[in-house]
Amino acid sequence: MGRSTADRVESALRRADATLEGWFRRGAGVLRRQVNRFQGRLKQVSTGLEQLEKERKPAAVKRSPRPAATKRATRPRKPKKAA
């Protein structure tokens, strides 16, 4: 390999390295934002669950027994006609 060929290869490798670094940095930024959003939503869910648990504890009210159902009046059956 001549000097100019080695220089071209090195230049191409530097460009490829810079391109990959840019992709990784962008990808890391996107991933970081998604993780931050996910953590925020997990906190919201956690807070909501804590509120539900707090609301549930004092709401332990004793139920009164249901009154017995009254019997409905039934109609008398129609007499069958003689054949």
PDB file of N, CA and C in Angstrom:
ATOM      1  N   MET A   1       0.828  -1.179   0.000  1.00  0.00           N
ATOM      2  CA  MET A   1       0.000   0.000   0.000  1.00  0.00           C
ATOM      3  C   MET A   1       0.874   1.244   0.000  1.00  0.00           C
ATOM      4  N   GLY A   2       0.536   2.126  -0.867  1.00  0.00           N
ATOM      5  CA  GLY A   2       1.284   3.369  -0.924  1.00  0.00           C
ATOM      6  C   GLY A   2       0.812   4.328   0.163  1.00  0.00           C
ATOM      7  N   ARG A   3       1.540   5.411   0.281  1.00  0.00           N
ATOM      8  CA  ARG A   3       1.230   6.396   1.321  1.00  0.00           C
ATOM      9  C   ARG A   3      -0.149   6.998   1.103  1.00  0.00           C
ATOM     10  N   SER A   4      -0.495   7.323  -0.125  1.00  0.00           N
ATOM     11  CA  SER A   4      -1.782   7.958  -0.408  1.00  0.00           C
ATOM     12  C   SER A   4      -2.932   6.980  -0.169  1.00  0.00           C
ATOM     13  N   THR A   5      -2.731   5.711  -0.461  1.00  0.00           N
ATOM     14  CA  THR A   5      -3.774   4.709  -0.228  1.00  0.00           C
ATOM     15  C   THR A   5      -4.021   4.563   1.271  1.00  0.00           C
ATOM     16  N   ALA A   6      -2.967   4.526   2.053  1.00  0.00           N
ATOM     17  CA  ALA A   6      -3.094   4.417   3.507  1.00  0.00           C
ATOM     18  C   ALA A   6      -3.802   5.641   4.067  1.00  0.00           C
ATOM     19  N   ASP A   7      -3.475   6.818   3.514  1.00  0.00           N
ATOM     20  CA  ASP A   7      -4.133   8.042   3.969  1.00  0.00           C
ATOM     21  C   ASP A   7      -5.624   8.009   3.661  1.00  0.00           C
ATOM     22  N   ARG A   8      -5.977   7.512   2.460  1.00  0.00           N
ATOM     23  CA  ARG A   8      -7.397   7.428   2.092  1.00  0.00           C
ATOM     24  C   ARG A   8      -8.148   6.445   2.991  1.00  0.00           C
ATOM     25  N   VAL A   9      -7.521   5.320   3.286  1.00  0.00           N
ATOM     26  CA  VAL A   9      -8.156   4.319   4.159  1.00  0.00           C
ATOM     27  C   VAL A   9      -8.350   4.903   5.557  1.00  0.00           C
ATOM     28  N   GLU A  10      -7.316   5.566   6.061  1.00  0.00           N
ATOM     29  CA  GLU A  10      -7.417   6.170   7.390  1.00  0.00           C
ATOM     30  C   GLU A  10      -8.502   7.241   7.416  1.00  0.00           C
ATOM     31  N   SER A  11      -8.584   8.029   6.358  1.00  0.00           N
ATOM     32  CA  SER A  11      -9.607   9.068   6.270  1.00  0.00           C
ATOM     33  C   SER A  11     -11.005   8.449   6.253  1.00  0.00           C
ATOM     34  N   ALA A  12     -11.171   7.377   5.478  1.00  0.00           N
ATOM     35  CA  ALA A  12     -12.469   6.701   5.420  1.00  0.00           C
ATOM     36  C   ALA A  12     -12.837   6.117   6.787  1.00  0.00           C
ATOM     37  N   LEU A  13     -11.862   5.543   7.470  1.00  0.00           N
ATOM     38  CA  LEU A  13     -12.120   4.984   8.801  1.00  0.00           C
ATOM     39  C   LEU A  13     -12.501   6.076   9.803  1.00  0.00           C
ATOM     40  N   ARG A  14     -11.841   7.233   9.705  1.00  0.00           N
ATOM     41  CA  ARG A  14     -12.178   8.347  10.603  1.00  0.00           C
ATOM     42  C   ARG A  14     -13.608   8.822  10.364  1.00  0.00           C
ATOM     43  N   ARG A  15     -13.980   8.934   9.073  1.00  0.00           N
ATOM     44  CA  ARG A  15     -15.353   9.353   8.754  1.00  0.00           C
ATOM     45  C   ARG A  15     -16.374   8.338   9.258  1.00  0.00           C
ATOM     46  N   ALA A  16     -16.071   7.049   9.042  1.00  0.00           N
ATOM     47  CA  ALA A  16     -16.981   5.999   9.511  1.00  0.00           C
ATOM     48  C   ALA A  16     -17.092   6.035  11.033  1.00  0.00           C
ATOM     49  N   ASP A  17     -15.968   6.252  11.698  1.00  0.00           N
ATOM     50  CA  ASP A  17     -15.969   6.329  13.155  1.00  0.00           C
ATOM     51  C   ASP A  17     -16.805   7.517  13.631  1.00  0.00           C
ATOM     52  N   ALA A  18     -16.646   8.658  12.966  1.00  0.00           N
ATOM     53  CA  ALA A  18     -17.416   9.847  13.337  1.00  0.00           C
ATOM     54  C   ALA A  18     -18.910   9.621  13.098  1.00  0.00           C
ATOM     55  N   THR A  19     -19.239   8.967  11.981  1.00  0.00           N
ATOM     56  CA  THR A  19     -20.641   8.681  11.675  1.00  0.00           C
ATOM     57  C   THR A  19     -21.247   7.766  12.733  1.00  0.00           C
ATOM     58  N   LEU A  20     -20.521   6.708  13.071  1.00  0.00           N
ATOM     59  CA  LEU A  20     -21.016   5.782  14.094  1.00  0.00           C
ATOM     60  C   LEU A  20     -21.168   6.471  15.447  1.00  0.00           C
ATOM     61  N   GLU A  21     -20.219   7.321  15.786  1.00  0.00           N
ATOM     62  CA  GLU A  21     -20.304   8.036  17.056  1.00  0.00           C
ATOM     63  C   GLU A  21     -21.544   8.924  17.083  1.00  0.00           C
ATOM     64  N   GLY A  22     -21.824   9.588  15.957  1.00  0.00           N
ATOM     65  CA  GLY A  22     -23.041  10.411  15.879  1.00  0.00           C
ATOM     66  C   GLY A  22     -24.299   9.577  16.060  1.00  0.00           C
ATOM     67  N   TRP A  23     -24.352   8.434  15.394  1.00  0.00           N
ATOM     68  CA  TRP A  23     -25.520   7.551  15.531  1.00  0.00           C
ATOM     69  C   TRP A  23     -25.692   7.090  16.974  1.00  0.00           C
ATOM     70  N   PHE A  24     -24.590   6.684  17.592  1.00  0.00           N
ATOM     71  CA  PHE A  24     -24.670   6.206  18.973  1.00  0.00           C
ATOM     72  C   PHE A  24     -25.101   7.319  19.924  1.00  0.00           C
ATOM     73  N   ARG A  25     -24.570   8.520  19.704  1.00  0.00           N
ATOM     74  CA  ARG A  25     -24.956   9.638  20.576  1.00  0.00           C
ATOM     75  C   ARG A  25     -26.441   9.951  20.425  1.00  0.00           C
ATOM     76  N   ARG A  26     -26.919   9.986  19.169  1.00  0.00           N
ATOM     77  CA  ARG A  26     -28.349  10.245  18.948  1.00  0.00           C
ATOM     78  C   ARG A  26     -29.202   9.144  19.562  1.00  0.00           C
ATOM     79  N   GLY A  27     -28.778   7.909  19.335  1.00  0.00           N
ATOM     80  CA  GLY A  27     -29.522   6.774  19.897  1.00  0.00           C
ATOM     81  C   GLY A  27     -29.541   6.806  21.412  1.00  0.00           C
ATOM     82  N   ALA A  28     -28.413   7.163  22.013  1.00  0.00           N
ATOM     83  CA  ALA A  28     -28.349   7.242  23.477  1.00  0.00           C
ATOM     84  C   ALA A  28     -29.262   8.349  23.992  1.00  0.00           C
ATOM     85  N   GLY A  29     -29.319   9.463  23.268  1.00  0.00           N
ATOM     86  CA  GLY A  29     -30.201  10.562  23.676  1.00  0.00           C
ATOM     87  C   GLY A  29     -31.665  10.159  23.613  1.00  0.00           C
ATOM     88  N   VAL A  30     -32.034   9.496  22.525  1.00  0.00           N
ATOM     89  CA  VAL A  30     -33.421   9.040  22.376  1.00  0.00           C
ATOM     90  C   VAL A  30     -33.758   8.036  23.470  1.00  0.00           C
ATOM     91  N   LEU A  31     -32.868   7.102  23.695  1.00  0.00           N
ATOM     92  CA  LEU A  31     -33.091   6.080  24.722  1.00  0.00           C
ATOM     93  C   LEU A  31     -33.204   6.719  26.108  1.00  0.00           C
ATOM     94  N   ARG A  32     -32.363   7.703  26.388  1.00  0.00           N
ATOM     95  CA  ARG A  32     -32.404   8.387  27.683  1.00  0.00           C
ATOM     96  C   ARG A  32     -33.752   9.064  27.884  1.00  0.00           C
ATOM     97  N   ARG A  33     -34.252   9.743  26.838  1.00  0.00           N
ATOM     98  CA  ARG A  33     -35.556  10.407  26.951  1.00  0.00           C
ATOM     99  C   ARG A  33     -36.672   9.398  27.187  1.00  0.00           C
ATOM    100  N   GLN A  34     -36.624   8.258  26.475  1.00  0.00           N
ATOM    101  CA  GLN A  34     -37.650   7.229  26.655  1.00  0.00           C
ATOM    102  C   GLN A  34     -37.605   6.645  28.062  1.00  0.00           C
ATOM    103  N   VAL A  35     -36.402   6.413  28.569  1.00  0.00           N
ATOM    104  CA  VAL A  35     -36.267   5.874  29.927  1.00  0.00           C
ATOM    105  C   VAL A  35     -36.793   6.886  30.942  1.00  0.00           C
ATOM    106  N   ASN A  36     -36.492   8.163  30.742  1.00  0.00           N
ATOM    107  CA  ASN A  36     -36.982   9.195  31.660  1.00  0.00           C
ATOM    108  C   ASN A  36     -38.505   9.258  31.647  1.00  0.00           C
ATOM    109  N   ARG A  37     -39.115   9.186  30.450  1.00  0.00           N
ATOM    110  CA  ARG A  37     -40.583   9.179  30.361  1.00  0.00           C
ATOM    111  C   ARG A  37     -41.157   7.956  31.062  1.00  0.00           C
ATOM    112  N   PHE A  38     -40.512   6.814  30.837  1.00  0.00           N
ATOM    113  CA  PHE A  38     -40.977   5.568  31.447  1.00  0.00           C
ATOM    114  C   PHE A  38     -40.904   5.656  32.968  1.00  0.00           C
ATOM    115  N   GLN A  39     -39.813   6.201  33.489  1.00  0.00           N
ATOM    116  CA  GLN A  39     -39.681   6.351  34.937  1.00  0.00           C
ATOM    117  C   GLN A  39     -40.742   7.303  35.485  1.00  0.00           C
ATOM    118  N   GLY A  40     -41.027   8.368  34.753  1.00  0.00           N
ATOM    119  CA  GLY A  40     -42.067   9.303  35.185  1.00  0.00           C
ATOM    120  C   GLY A  40     -43.426   8.642  35.240  1.00  0.00           C
ATOM    121  N   ARG A  41     -43.732   7.836  34.234  1.00  0.00           N
ATOM    122  CA  ARG A  41     -45.024   7.142  34.222  1.00  0.00           C
ATOM    123  C   ARG A  41     -45.096   6.098  35.332  1.00  0.00           C
ATOM    124  N   LEU A  42     -43.982   5.428  35.611  1.00  0.00           N
ATOM    125  CA  LEU A  42     -43.965   4.474  36.725  1.00  0.00           C
ATOM    126  C   LEU A  42     -44.227   5.187  38.051  1.00  0.00           C
ATOM    127  N   LYS A  43     -43.668   6.385  38.211  1.00  0.00           N
ATOM    128  CA  LYS A  43     -43.919   7.154  39.432  1.00  0.00           C
ATOM    129  C   LYS A  43     -45.397   7.507  39.541  1.00  0.00           C
ATOM    130  N   GLN A  44     -46.019   7.888  38.413  1.00  0.00           N
ATOM    131  CA  GLN A  44     -47.447   8.218  38.426  1.00  0.00           C
ATOM    132  C   GLN A  44     -48.272   7.011  38.840  1.00  0.00           C
ATOM    133  N   VAL A  45     -47.954   5.856  38.281  1.00  0.00           N
ATOM    134  CA  VAL A  45     -48.690   4.635  38.614  1.00  0.00           C
ATOM    135  C   VAL A  45     -48.490   4.299  40.088  1.00  0.00           C
ATOM    136  N   SER A  46     -47.265   4.428  40.562  1.00  0.00           N
ATOM    137  CA  SER A  46     -46.966   4.136  41.963  1.00  0.00           C
ATOM    138  C   SER A  46     -47.752   5.066  42.884  1.00  0.00           C
ATOM    139  N   THR A  47     -47.784   6.345  42.550  1.00  0.00           N
ATOM    140  CA  THR A  47     -48.528   7.316  43.349  1.00  0.00           C
ATOM    141  C   THR A  47     -50.012   6.985  43.342  1.00  0.00           C
ATOM    142  N   GLY A  48     -50.534   6.632  42.177  1.00  0.00           N
ATOM    143  CA  GLY A  48     -51.947   6.264  42.078  1.00  0.00           C
ATOM    144  C   GLY A  48     -52.274   5.040  42.910  1.00  0.00           C
ATOM    145  N   LEU A  49     -51.395   4.043  42.886  1.00  0.00           N
ATOM    146  CA  LEU A  49     -51.621   2.837  43.691  1.00  0.00           C
ATOM    147  C   LEU A  49     -51.574   3.153  45.181  1.00  0.00           C
ATOM    148  N   GLU A  50     -50.653   4.014  45.584  1.00  0.00           N
ATOM    149  CA  GLU A  50     -50.577   4.399  46.995  1.00  0.00           C
ATOM    150  C   GLU A  50     -51.858   5.100  47.422  1.00  0.00           C
ATOM    151  N   GLN A  51     -52.395   5.965  46.569  1.00  0.00           N
ATOM    152  CA  GLN A  51     -53.639   6.658  46.901  1.00  0.00           C
ATOM    153  C   GLN A  51     -54.792   5.673  47.013  1.00  0.00           C
ATOM    154  N   LEU A  52     -54.838   4.699  46.113  1.00  0.00           N
ATOM    155  CA  LEU A  52     -55.895   3.692  46.192  1.00  0.00           C
ATOM    156  C   LEU A  52     -55.802   2.903  47.491  1.00  0.00           C
ATOM    157  N   GLU A  53     -54.596   2.538  47.888  1.00  0.00           N
ATOM    158  CA  GLU A  53     -54.420   1.792  49.131  1.00  0.00           C
ATOM    159  C   GLU A  53     -54.830   2.628  50.335  1.00  0.00           C
ATOM    160  N   LYS A  54     -54.507   3.914  50.334  1.00  0.00           N
ATOM    161  CA  LYS A  54     -54.892   4.790  51.441  1.00  0.00           C
ATOM    162  C   LYS A  54     -56.409   4.949  51.497  1.00  0.00           C
ATOM    163  N   GLU A  55     -57.052   5.072  50.344  1.00  0.00           N
ATOM    164  CA  GLU A  55     -58.509   5.239  50.305  1.00  0.00           C
ATOM    165  C   GLU A  55     -59.213   3.969  50.737  1.00  0.00           C
ATOM    166  N   ARG A  56     -58.630   2.832  50.456  1.00  0.00           N
ATOM    167  CA  ARG A  56     -59.287   1.561  50.727  1.00  0.00           C
ATOM    168  C   ARG A  56     -59.341   1.262  52.223  1.00  0.00           C
ATOM    169  N   LYS A  57     -58.325   1.624  52.996  1.00  0.00           N
ATOM    170  CA  LYS A  57     -58.248   1.271  54.410  1.00  0.00           C
ATOM    171  C   LYS A  57     -59.395   1.857  55.236  1.00  0.00           C
ATOM    172  N   PRO A  58     -59.681   3.158  55.194  1.00  0.00           N
ATOM    173  CA  PRO A  58     -60.770   3.674  56.019  1.00  0.00           C
ATOM    174  C   PRO A  58     -62.151   3.286  55.495  1.00  0.00           C
ATOM    175  N   ALA A  59     -62.229   2.798  54.311  1.00  0.00           N
ATOM    176  CA  ALA A  59     -63.524   2.474  53.716  1.00  0.00           C
ATOM    177  C   ALA A  59     -64.014   1.087  54.108  1.00  0.00           C
ATOM    178  N   ALA A  60     -63.450   0.510  55.173  1.00  0.00           N
ATOM    179  CA  ALA A  60     -63.874  -0.821  55.606  1.00  0.00           C
ATOM    180  C   ALA A  60     -65.150  -0.682  56.438  1.00  0.00           C
ATOM    181  N   VAL A  61     -66.278  -0.485  55.775  1.00  0.00           N
ATOM    182  CA  VAL A  61     -67.569  -0.294  56.430  1.00  0.00           C
ATOM    183  C   VAL A  61     -68.279  -1.639  56.493  1.00  0.00           C
ATOM    184  N   LYS A  62     -68.882  -1.921  57.660  1.00  0.00           N
ATOM    185  CA  LYS A  62     -69.609  -3.176  57.795  1.00  0.00           C
ATOM    186  C   LYS A  62     -70.920  -3.061  57.033  1.00  0.00           C
ATOM    187  N   ARG A  63     -71.241  -4.106  56.314  1.00  0.00           N
ATOM    188  CA  ARG A  63     -72.500  -4.120  55.574  1.00  0.00           C
ATOM    189  C   ARG A  63     -73.605  -4.657  56.468  1.00  0.00           C
ATOM    190  N   SER A  64     -74.762  -4.067  56.332  1.00  0.00           N
ATOM    191  CA  SER A  64     -75.904  -4.592  57.080  1.00  0.00           C
ATOM    192  C   SER A  64     -76.488  -5.758  56.291  1.00  0.00           C
ATOM    193  N   PRO A  65     -77.041  -6.747  56.982  1.00  0.00           N
ATOM    194  CA  PRO A  65     -77.592  -7.898  56.258  1.00  0.00           C
ATOM    195  C   PRO A  65     -78.786  -7.476  55.404  1.00  0.00           C
ATOM    196  N   ARG A  66     -78.912  -8.104  54.270  1.00  0.00           N
ATOM    197  CA  ARG A  66     -80.017  -7.769  53.364  1.00  0.00           C
ATOM    198  C   ARG A  66     -81.322  -8.305  53.934  1.00  0.00           C
ATOM    199  N   PRO A  67     -82.383  -7.543  53.774  1.00  0.00           N
ATOM    200  CA  PRO A  67     -83.680  -8.056  54.234  1.00  0.00           C
ATOM    201  C   PRO A  67     -84.109  -9.223  53.350  1.00  0.00           C
ATOM    202  N   ALA A  68     -84.839 -10.140  53.945  1.00  0.00           N
ATOM    203  CA  ALA A  68     -85.303 -11.302  53.188  1.00  0.00           C
ATOM    204  C   ALA A  68     -86.275 -10.834  52.114  1.00  0.00           C
ATOM    205  N   ALA A  69     -86.186 -11.450  50.967  1.00  0.00           N
ATOM    206  CA  ALA A  69     -87.069 -11.077  49.860  1.00  0.00           C
ATOM    207  C   ALA A  69     -88.489 -11.546  50.175  1.00  0.00           C
ATOM    208  N   THR A  70     -89.464 -10.695  49.880  1.00  0.00           N
ATOM    209  CA  THR A  70     -90.863 -11.067  50.125  1.00  0.00           C
ATOM    210  C   THR A  70     -91.356 -11.905  48.966  1.00  0.00           C
ATOM    211  N   LYS A  71     -92.257 -12.823  49.276  1.00  0.00           N
ATOM    212  CA  LYS A  71     -92.800 -13.672  48.223  1.00  0.00           C
ATOM    213  C   LYS A  71     -93.809 -12.876  47.417  1.00  0.00           C
ATOM    214  N   ARG A  72     -93.740 -13.062  46.122  1.00  0.00           N
ATOM    215  CA  ARG A  72     -94.696 -12.371  45.255  1.00  0.00           C
ATOM    216  C   ARG A  72     -95.979 -13.168  45.215  1.00  0.00           C
ATOM    217  N   ALA A  73     -97.073 -12.451  45.090  1.00  0.00           N
ATOM    218  CA  ALA A  73     -98.364 -13.131  44.967  1.00  0.00           C
ATOM    219  C   ALA A  73     -98.430 -13.771  43.590  1.00  0.00           C
ATOM    220  N   THR A  74     -98.835 -15.034  43.546  1.00  0.00           N
ATOM    221  CA  THR A  74     -98.930 -15.728  42.265  1.00  0.00           C
ATOM    222  C   THR A  74    -100.377 -15.798  41.840  1.00  0.00           C
ATOM    223  N   ARG A  75    -100.580 -15.736  40.561  1.00  0.00           N
ATOM    224  CA  ARG A  75    -101.946 -15.844  40.038  1.00  0.00           C
ATOM    225  C   ARG A  75    -102.369 -17.296  40.075  1.00  0.00           C
ATOM    226  N   PRO A  76    -103.638 -17.538  40.318  1.00  0.00           N
ATOM    227  CA  PRO A  76    -104.108 -18.924  40.276  1.00  0.00           C
ATOM    228  C   PRO A  76    -104.091 -19.420  38.840  1.00  0.00           C
ATOM    229  N   ARG A  77    -103.859 -20.701  38.677  1.00  0.00           N
ATOM    230  CA  ARG A  77    -103.836 -21.274  37.333  1.00  0.00           C
ATOM    231  C   ARG A  77    -105.242 -21.312  36.763  1.00  0.00           C
ATOM    232  N   LYS A  78    -105.288 -21.192  35.439  1.00  0.00           N
ATOM    233  CA  LYS A  78    -106.587 -21.287  34.770  1.00  0.00           C
ATOM    234  C   LYS A  78    -107.017 -22.747  34.757  1.00  0.00           C
ATOM    235  N   PRO A  79    -108.284 -23.007  34.977  1.00  0.00           N
ATOM    236  CA  PRO A  79    -108.746 -24.404  34.905  1.00  0.00           C
ATOM    237  C   PRO A  79    -108.720 -24.884  33.465  1.00  0.00           C
ATOM    238  N   LYS A  80    -108.354 -26.148  33.288  1.00  0.00           N
ATOM    239  CA  LYS A  80    -108.321 -26.716  31.944  1.00  0.00           C
ATOM    240  C   LYS A  80    -109.740 -26.955  31.471  1.00  0.00           C
ATOM    241  N   LYS A  81    -109.937 -26.741  30.188  1.00  0.00           N
ATOM    242  CA  LYS A  81    -111.255 -26.984  29.599  1.00  0.00           C
ATOM    243  C   LYS A  81    -111.427 -28.476  29.381  1.00  0.00           C
ATOM    244  N   ALA A  82    -112.627 -28.934  29.596  1.00  0.00           N
ATOM    245  CA  ALA A  82    -112.905 -30.362  29.381  1.00  0.00           C
ATOM    246  C   ALA A  82    -112.942 -30.634  27.897  1.00  0.00           C
ATOM    247  N   ALA A  83    -112.366 -31.732  27.498  1.00  0.00           N
ATOM    248  CA  ALA A  83    -112.305 -32.042  26.086  1.00  0.00           C
ATOM    249  C   ALA A  83    -113.488 -32.809  25.616  1.00  0.00           C
TER     250      ALA A  83
END
